PDB file of all heavy atoms in Angstrom:
ATOM      1  N   ASN A   1     109.849  86.798  93.535  1.00  0.00           N
ATOM      2  CA  ASN A   1     108.538  86.907  94.166  1.00  0.00           C
ATOM      3  C   ASN A   1     108.534  87.636  95.495  1.00  0.00           C
ATOM      4  O   ASN A   1     107.482  87.828  96.069  1.00  0.00           O
ATOM      5  CB  ASN A   1     107.955  85.498  94.400  1.00  0.00           C
ATOM      6  CG  ASN A   1     107.662  84.798  93.109  1.00  0.00           C
ATOM      7  OD1 ASN A   1     107.327  85.436  92.123  1.00  0.00           O
ATOM      8  ND2 ASN A   1     107.811  83.491  93.100  1.00  0.00           N
ATOM      9  N   ALA A   2     109.665  88.025  96.007  1.00  0.00           N
ATOM     10  CA  ALA A   2     109.745  88.549  97.373  1.00  0.00           C
ATOM     11  C   ALA A   2     108.829  89.741  97.611  1.00  0.00           C
ATOM     12  O   ALA A   2     108.133  89.802  98.611  1.00  0.00           O
ATOM     13  CB  ALA A   2     111.185  88.917  97.716  1.00  0.00           C
ATOM     14  N   GLY A   3     108.785  90.687  96.702  1.00  0.00           N
ATOM     15  CA  GLY A   3     107.970  91.870  96.919  1.00  0.00           C
ATOM     16  C   GLY A   3     106.480  91.604  96.859  1.00  0.00           C
ATOM     17  O   GLY A   3     105.698  92.246  97.538  1.00  0.00           O
ATOM     18  N   ASP A   4     106.068  90.647  96.035  1.00  0.00           N
ATOM     19  CA  ASP A   4     104.646  90.372  95.852  1.00  0.00           C
ATOM     20  C   ASP A   4     104.091  89.399  96.885  1.00  0.00           C
ATOM     21  O   ASP A   4     102.965  89.522  97.307  1.00  0.00           O
ATOM     22  CB  ASP A   4     104.391  89.795  94.459  1.00  0.00           C
ATOM     23  CG  ASP A   4     104.734  90.785  93.364  1.00  0.00           C
ATOM     24  OD1 ASP A   4     104.622  91.997  93.614  1.00  0.00           O
ATOM     25  OD2 ASP A   4     105.112  90.341  92.271  1.00  0.00           O
ATOM     26  N   VAL A   5     104.870  88.424  97.257  1.00  0.00           N
ATOM     27  CA  VAL A   5     104.365  87.354  98.109  1.00  0.00           C
ATOM     28  C   VAL A   5     104.347  87.741  99.578  1.00  0.00           C
ATOM     29  O   VAL A   5     103.409  87.439 100.281  1.00  0.00           O
ATOM     30  CB  VAL A   5     105.190  86.070  97.895  1.00  0.00           C
ATOM     31  CG1 VAL A   5     104.772  84.995  98.875  1.00  0.00           C
ATOM     32  CG2 VAL A   5     105.029  85.583  96.476  1.00  0.00           C
ATOM     33  N   CYS A   6     105.353  88.421 100.051  1.00  0.00           N
ATOM     34  CA  CYS A   6     105.482  88.650 101.491  1.00  0.00           C
ATOM     35  C   CYS A   6     104.264  89.299 102.149  1.00  0.00           C
ATOM     36  O   CYS A   6     103.844  88.823 103.184  1.00  0.00           O
ATOM     37  CB  CYS A   6     106.757  89.421 101.797  1.00  0.00           C
ATOM     38  SG  CYS A   6     108.225  88.381 101.652  1.00  0.00           S
ATOM     39  N   PRO A   7     103.662  90.351 101.604  1.00  0.00           N
ATOM     40  CA  PRO A   7     102.472  90.907 102.272  1.00  0.00           C
ATOM     41  C   PRO A   7     101.334  89.897 102.381  1.00  0.00           C
ATOM     42  O   PRO A   7     100.649  89.832 103.400  1.00  0.00           O
ATOM     43  CB  PRO A   7     102.078  92.091 101.383  1.00  0.00           C
ATOM     44  CG  PRO A   7     103.336  92.473 100.697  1.00  0.00           C
ATOM     45  CD  PRO A   7     104.082  91.180 100.481  1.00  0.00           C
ATOM     46  N   ASN A   8     101.144  89.100 101.350  1.00  0.00           N
ATOM     47  CA  ASN A   8     100.095  88.080 101.402  1.00  0.00           C
ATOM     48  C   ASN A   8     100.426  86.993 102.409  1.00  0.00           C
ATOM     49  O   ASN A   8      99.542  86.467 103.082  1.00  0.00           O
ATOM     50  CB  ASN A   8      99.885  87.453 100.029  1.00  0.00           C
ATOM     51  CG  ASN A   8      99.304  88.434  99.044  1.00  0.00           C
ATOM     52  OD1 ASN A   8      98.614  89.371  99.427  1.00  0.00           O
ATOM     53  ND2 ASN A   8      99.598  88.244  97.786  1.00  0.00           N
ATOM     54  N   VAL A   9     101.688  86.655 102.514  1.00  0.00           N
ATOM     55  CA  VAL A   9     102.099  85.628 103.469  1.00  0.00           C
ATOM     56  C   VAL A   9     101.864  86.115 104.892  1.00  0.00           C
ATOM     57  O   VAL A   9     101.405  85.357 105.749  1.00  0.00           O
ATOM     58  CB  VAL A   9     103.568  85.217 103.248  1.00  0.00           C
ATOM     59  CG1 VAL A   9     104.074  84.333 104.371  1.00  0.00           C
ATOM     60  CG2 VAL A   9     103.729  84.515 101.923  1.00  0.00           C
ATOM     61  N   VAL A  10     102.161  87.371 105.157  1.00  0.00           N
ATOM     62  CA  VAL A  10     101.938  87.923 106.500  1.00  0.00           C
ATOM     63  C   VAL A  10     100.462  87.817 106.866  1.00  0.00           C
ATOM     64  O   VAL A  10     100.114  87.370 107.956  1.00  0.00           O
ATOM     65  CB  VAL A  10     102.414  89.390 106.579  1.00  0.00           C
ATOM     66  CG1 VAL A  10     101.981  90.035 107.881  1.00  0.00           C
ATOM     67  CG2 VAL A  10     103.922  89.468 106.428  1.00  0.00           C
ATOM     68  N   THR A  11      99.597  88.186 105.961  1.00  0.00           N
ATOM     69  CA  THR A  11      98.155  88.106 106.209  1.00  0.00           C
ATOM     70  C   THR A  11      97.715  86.665 106.416  1.00  0.00           C
ATOM     71  O   THR A  11      96.973  86.353 107.350  1.00  0.00           O
ATOM     72  CB  THR A  11      97.377  88.717 105.026  1.00  0.00           C
ATOM     73  OG1 THR A  11      97.806  90.063 104.858  1.00  0.00           O
ATOM     74  CG2 THR A  11      95.890  88.665 105.255  1.00  0.00           C
ATOM     75  N   GLU A  12      98.193  85.789 105.548  1.00  0.00           N
ATOM     76  CA  GLU A  12      97.810  84.385 105.627  1.00  0.00           C
ATOM     77  C   GLU A  12      98.287  83.731 106.919  1.00  0.00           C
ATOM     78  O   GLU A  12      97.538  83.050 107.603  1.00  0.00           O
ATOM     79  CB  GLU A  12      98.380  83.635 104.414  1.00  0.00           C
ATOM     80  CG  GLU A  12      98.004  82.198 104.340  1.00  0.00           C
ATOM     81  CD  GLU A  12      96.544  81.980 104.034  1.00  0.00           C
ATOM     82  OE1 GLU A  12      95.911  82.854 103.421  1.00  0.00           O
ATOM     83  OE2 GLU A  12      96.020  80.926 104.419  1.00  0.00           O
ATOM     84  N   VAL A  13      99.541  83.953 107.266  1.00  0.00           N
ATOM     85  CA  VAL A  13     100.095  83.337 108.479  1.00  0.00           C
ATOM     86  C   VAL A  13      99.441  83.929 109.720  1.00  0.00           C
ATOM     87  O   VAL A  13      99.130  83.213 110.669  1.00  0.00           O
ATOM     88  CB  VAL A  13     101.627  83.476 108.522  1.00  0.00           C
ATOM     89  CG1 VAL A  13     102.189  83.032 109.855  1.00  0.00           C
ATOM     90  CG2 VAL A  13     102.260  82.678 107.401  1.00  0.00           C
ATOM     91  N   GLY A  14      99.214  85.230 109.718  1.00  0.00           N
ATOM     92  CA  GLY A  14      98.527  85.845 110.851  1.00  0.00           C
ATOM     93  C   GLY A  14      97.156  85.243 111.068  1.00  0.00           C
ATOM     94  O   GLY A  14      96.758  84.949 112.201  1.00  0.00           O
ATOM     95  N   GLY A  15      96.436  85.028 109.983  1.00  0.00           N
ATOM     96  CA  GLY A  15      95.127  84.393 110.081  1.00  0.00           C
ATOM     97  C   GLY A  15      95.227  82.960 110.564  1.00  0.00           C
ATOM     98  O   GLY A  15      94.443  82.510 111.400  1.00  0.00           O
ATOM     99  N   LEU A  16      96.196  82.264 110.045  1.00  0.00           N
ATOM    100  CA  LEU A  16      96.402  80.877 110.434  1.00  0.00           C
ATOM    101  C   LEU A  16      96.654  80.756 111.936  1.00  0.00           C
ATOM    102  O   LEU A  16      96.191  79.841 112.590  1.00  0.00           O
ATOM    103  CB  LEU A  16      97.584  80.306 109.648  1.00  0.00           C
ATOM    104  CG  LEU A  16      97.893  78.831 109.765  1.00  0.00           C
ATOM    105  CD1 LEU A  16      96.736  78.001 109.246  1.00  0.00           C
ATOM    106  CD2 LEU A  16      99.157  78.500 108.994  1.00  0.00           C
ATOM    107  N   PHE A  17      97.354  81.721 112.489  1.00  0.00           N
ATOM    108  CA  PHE A  17      97.727  81.662 113.897  1.00  0.00           C
ATOM    109  C   PHE A  17      96.665  82.219 114.843  1.00  0.00           C
ATOM    110  O   PHE A  17      96.610  81.809 115.991  1.00  0.00           O
ATOM    111  CB  PHE A  17      99.034  82.434 114.114  1.00  0.00           C
ATOM    112  CG  PHE A  17     100.261  81.625 113.847  1.00  0.00           C
ATOM    113  CD1 PHE A  17     100.546  81.177 112.580  1.00  0.00           C
ATOM    114  CD2 PHE A  17     101.124  81.296 114.869  1.00  0.00           C
ATOM    115  CE1 PHE A  17     101.668  80.432 112.322  1.00  0.00           C
ATOM    116  CE2 PHE A  17     102.251  80.541 114.628  1.00  0.00           C
ATOM    117  CZ  PHE A  17     102.522  80.101 113.348  1.00  0.00           C
ATOM    118  N   PHE A  18      95.842  83.159 114.394  1.00  0.00           N
ATOM    119  CA  PHE A  18      95.050  83.895 115.373  1.00  0.00           C
ATOM    120  C   PHE A  18      93.548  84.003 115.127  1.00  0.00           C
ATOM    121  O   PHE A  18      92.818  84.299 116.061  1.00  0.00           O
ATOM    122  CB  PHE A  18      95.621  85.303 115.556  1.00  0.00           C
ATOM    123  CG  PHE A  18      97.011  85.275 116.114  1.00  0.00           C
ATOM    124  CD1 PHE A  18      98.089  85.584 115.319  1.00  0.00           C
ATOM    125  CD2 PHE A  18      97.238  84.887 117.420  1.00  0.00           C
ATOM    126  CE1 PHE A  18      99.373  85.533 115.824  1.00  0.00           C
ATOM    127  CE2 PHE A  18      98.519  84.832 117.936  1.00  0.00           C
ATOM    128  CZ  PHE A  18      99.590  85.155 117.132  1.00  0.00           C
ATOM    129  N   ILE A  19      93.051  83.808 113.932  1.00  0.00           N
ATOM    130  CA  ILE A  19      91.610  83.963 113.762  1.00  0.00           C
ATOM    131  C   ILE A  19      90.908  82.620 113.962  1.00  0.00           C
ATOM    132  O   ILE A  19      91.504  81.570 113.773  1.00  0.00           O
ATOM    133  CB  ILE A  19      91.242  84.592 112.395  1.00  0.00           C
ATOM    134  CG1 ILE A  19      91.620  83.695 111.233  1.00  0.00           C
ATOM    135  CG2 ILE A  19      91.836  85.960 112.235  1.00  0.00           C
ATOM    136  CD1 ILE A  19      91.114  84.196 109.894  1.00  0.00           C
ATOM    137  N   PRO A  20      89.635  82.642 114.342  1.00  0.00           N
ATOM    138  CA  PRO A  20      88.893  81.395 114.544  1.00  0.00           C
ATOM    139  C   PRO A  20      88.806  80.574 113.249  1.00  0.00           C
ATOM    140  O   PRO A  20      88.817  81.122 112.147  1.00  0.00           O
ATOM    141  CB  PRO A  20      87.507  81.863 114.974  1.00  0.00           C
ATOM    142  CG  PRO A  20      87.686  83.250 115.458  1.00  0.00           C
ATOM    143  CD  PRO A  20      88.839  83.816 114.693  1.00  0.00           C
ATOM    144  N   THR A  21      88.674  79.288 113.401  1.00  0.00           N
ATOM    145  CA  THR A  21      88.688  78.372 112.263  1.00  0.00           C
ATOM    146  C   THR A  21      87.595  78.688 111.249  1.00  0.00           C
ATOM    147  O   THR A  21      87.846  78.686 110.046  1.00  0.00           O
ATOM    148  CB  THR A  21      88.557  76.919 112.755  1.00  0.00           C
ATOM    149  OG1 THR A  21      89.641  76.646 113.647  1.00  0.00           O
ATOM    150  CG2 THR A  21      88.596  75.936 111.610  1.00  0.00           C
ATOM    151  N   PHE A  22      86.389  78.974 111.699  1.00  0.00           N
ATOM    152  CA  PHE A  22      85.300  79.215 110.752  1.00  0.00           C
ATOM    153  C   PHE A  22      85.553  80.461 109.906  1.00  0.00           C
ATOM    154  O   PHE A  22      85.214  80.508 108.727  1.00  0.00           O
ATOM    155  CB  PHE A  22      83.936  79.271 111.451  1.00  0.00           C
ATOM    156  CG  PHE A  22      83.709  80.490 112.287  1.00  0.00           C
ATOM    157  CD1 PHE A  22      83.054  81.589 111.770  1.00  0.00           C
ATOM    158  CD2 PHE A  22      84.135  80.532 113.610  1.00  0.00           C
ATOM    159  CE1 PHE A  22      82.825  82.717 112.548  1.00  0.00           C
ATOM    160  CE2 PHE A  22      83.921  81.654 114.396  1.00  0.00           C
ATOM    161  CZ  PHE A  22      83.273  82.749 113.859  1.00  0.00           C
ATOM    162  N   ILE A  23      86.183  81.475 110.482  1.00  0.00           N
ATOM    163  CA  ILE A  23      86.530  82.675 109.709  1.00  0.00           C
ATOM    164  C   ILE A  23      87.678  82.368 108.754  1.00  0.00           C
ATOM    165  O   ILE A  23      87.671  82.787 107.594  1.00  0.00           O
ATOM    166  CB  ILE A  23      86.891  83.849 110.646  1.00  0.00           C
ATOM    167  CG1 ILE A  23      85.672  84.252 111.467  1.00  0.00           C
ATOM    168  CG2 ILE A  23      87.423  85.040 109.849  1.00  0.00           C
ATOM    169  CD1 ILE A  23      85.960  85.273 112.546  1.00  0.00           C
ATOM    170  N   TYR A  24      88.661  81.629 109.248  1.00  0.00           N
ATOM    171  CA  TYR A  24      89.798  81.265 108.406  1.00  0.00           C
ATOM    172  C   TYR A  24      89.342  80.446 107.203  1.00  0.00           C
ATOM    173  O   TYR A  24      89.793  80.676 106.080  1.00  0.00           O
ATOM    174  CB  TYR A  24      90.830  80.489 109.224  1.00  0.00           C
ATOM    175  CG  TYR A  24      92.080  80.176 108.453  1.00  0.00           C
ATOM    176  CD1 TYR A  24      92.986  81.178 108.128  1.00  0.00           C
ATOM    177  CD2 TYR A  24      92.344  78.887 108.024  1.00  0.00           C
ATOM    178  CE1 TYR A  24      94.124  80.895 107.401  1.00  0.00           C
ATOM    179  CE2 TYR A  24      93.479  78.601 107.304  1.00  0.00           C
ATOM    180  CZ  TYR A  24      94.367  79.603 106.997  1.00  0.00           C
ATOM    181  OH  TYR A  24      95.496  79.326 106.278  1.00  0.00           O
ATOM    182  N   LYS A  25      88.426  79.523 107.433  1.00  0.00           N
ATOM    183  CA  LYS A  25      87.920  78.691 106.339  1.00  0.00           C
ATOM    184  C   LYS A  25      87.243  79.549 105.274  1.00  0.00           C
ATOM    185  O   LYS A  25      87.465  79.352 104.078  1.00  0.00           O
ATOM    186  CB  LYS A  25      86.950  77.647 106.881  1.00  0.00           C
ATOM    187  CG  LYS A  25      86.469  76.682 105.831  1.00  0.00           C
ATOM    188  CD  LYS A  25      85.597  75.593 106.429  1.00  0.00           C
ATOM    189  CE  LYS A  25      85.145  74.610 105.366  1.00  0.00           C
ATOM    190  NZ  LYS A  25      84.340  73.541 105.934  1.00  0.00           N
ATOM    191  N   SER A  26      86.445  80.509 105.691  1.00  0.00           N
ATOM    192  CA  SER A  26      85.782  81.368 104.706  1.00  0.00           C
ATOM    193  C   SER A  26      86.789  82.272 103.985  1.00  0.00           C
ATOM    194  O   SER A  26      86.604  82.599 102.822  1.00  0.00           O
ATOM    195  CB  SER A  26      84.675  82.194 105.357  1.00  0.00           C
ATOM    196  OG  SER A  26      85.215  83.105 106.275  1.00  0.00           O
ATOM    197  N   SER A  27      87.877  82.651 104.671  1.00  0.00           N
ATOM    198  CA  SER A  27      88.890  83.479 104.006  1.00  0.00           C
ATOM    199  C   SER A  27      89.649  82.700 102.938  1.00  0.00           C
ATOM    200  O   SER A  27      90.191  83.283 101.998  1.00  0.00           O
ATOM    201  CB  SER A  27      89.864  84.067 105.031  1.00  0.00           C
ATOM    202  OG  SER A  27      90.762  83.088 105.499  1.00  0.00           O
ATOM    203  N   LEU A  28      89.697  81.384 103.064  1.00  0.00           N
ATOM    204  CA  LEU A  28      90.381  80.561 102.060  1.00  0.00           C
ATOM    205  C   LEU A  28      89.592  80.478 100.750  1.00  0.00           C
ATOM    206  O   LEU A  28      90.160  80.163  99.705  1.00  0.00           O
ATOM    207  CB  LEU A  28      90.611  79.146 102.605  1.00  0.00           C
ATOM    208  CG  LEU A  28      91.608  79.013 103.738  1.00  0.00           C
ATOM    209  CD1 LEU A  28      91.657  77.577 104.236  1.00  0.00           C
ATOM    210  CD2 LEU A  28      92.993  79.474 103.314  1.00  0.00           C
ATOM    211  N   GLN A  29      88.323  80.778 100.785  1.00  0.00           N
ATOM    212  CA  GLN A  29      87.492  80.675  99.591  1.00  0.00           C
ATOM    213  C   GLN A  29      87.925  81.648  98.498  1.00  0.00           C
ATOM    214  O   GLN A  29      87.716  81.386  97.323  1.00  0.00           O
ATOM    215  CB  GLN A  29      86.029  80.887  99.937  1.00  0.00           C
ATOM    216  CG  GLN A  29      85.459  79.752 100.752  1.00  0.00           C
ATOM    217  CD  GLN A  29      84.027  80.008 101.169  1.00  0.00           C
ATOM    218  OE1 GLN A  29      83.490  81.083 100.987  1.00  0.00           O
ATOM    219  NE2 GLN A  29      83.409  78.994 101.753  1.00  0.00           N
ATOM    220  N   LYS A  30      88.562  82.746  98.867  1.00  0.00           N
ATOM    221  CA  LYS A  30      88.979  83.724  97.862  1.00  0.00           C
ATOM    222  C   LYS A  30      90.048  83.165  96.926  1.00  0.00           C
ATOM    223  O   LYS A  30      90.259  83.683  95.842  1.00  0.00           O
ATOM    224  CB  LYS A  30      89.473  85.005  98.525  1.00  0.00           C
ATOM    225  CG  LYS A  30      90.737  84.854  99.333  1.00  0.00           C
ATOM    226  CD  LYS A  30      91.117  86.148 100.015  1.00  0.00           C
ATOM    227  CE  LYS A  30      92.251  85.904 100.990  1.00  0.00           C
ATOM    228  NZ  LYS A  30      92.491  87.053 101.831  1.00  0.00           N
ATOM    229  N   TYR A  31      90.717  82.082  97.345  1.00  0.00           N
ATOM    230  CA  TYR A  31      91.756  81.475  96.514  1.00  0.00           C
ATOM    231  C   TYR A  31      91.200  80.438  95.548  1.00  0.00           C
ATOM    232  O   TYR A  31      91.918  79.963  94.681  1.00  0.00           O
ATOM    233  CB  TYR A  31      92.831  80.833  97.394  1.00  0.00           C
ATOM    234  CG  TYR A  31      93.532  81.830  98.285  1.00  0.00           C
ATOM    235  CD1 TYR A  31      93.375  81.776  99.661  1.00  0.00           C
ATOM    236  CD2 TYR A  31      94.344  82.810  97.751  1.00  0.00           C
ATOM    237  CE1 TYR A  31      94.014  82.686 100.478  1.00  0.00           C
ATOM    238  CE2 TYR A  31      94.987  83.727  98.556  1.00  0.00           C
ATOM    239  CZ  TYR A  31      94.822  83.665  99.923  1.00  0.00           C
ATOM    240  OH  TYR A  31      95.446  84.566 100.735  1.00  0.00           O
ATOM    241  N   ASP A  32      89.954  80.061  95.695  1.00  0.00           N
ATOM    242  CA  ASP A  32      89.314  79.055  94.851  1.00  0.00           C
ATOM    243  C   ASP A  32      90.161  77.783  94.769  1.00  0.00           C
ATOM    244  O   ASP A  32      90.386  77.219  93.699  1.00  0.00           O
ATOM    245  CB  ASP A  32      89.052  79.630  93.451  1.00  0.00           C
ATOM    246  CG  ASP A  32      88.046  78.799  92.688  1.00  0.00           C
ATOM    247  OD1 ASP A  32      87.196  78.148  93.334  1.00  0.00           O
ATOM    248  OD2 ASP A  32      88.113  78.786  91.444  1.00  0.00           O
ATOM    249  N   ALA A  33      90.648  77.363  95.929  1.00  0.00           N
ATOM    250  CA  ALA A  33      91.508  76.181  96.015  1.00  0.00           C
ATOM    251  C   ALA A  33      90.668  74.909  96.018  1.00  0.00           C
ATOM    252  O   ALA A  33      89.500  74.924  96.416  1.00  0.00           O
ATOM    253  CB  ALA A  33      92.339  76.243  97.291  1.00  0.00           C
TER     254      ALA A  33
END
């Protein structure tokens, strides 16, 4: 999974660390979790 997961992880972790909570919450909706 290294080639496929890493770019998504960078985006996800960056968001987790730096974007406001309300934006982060809406970005999680794309995963239909």
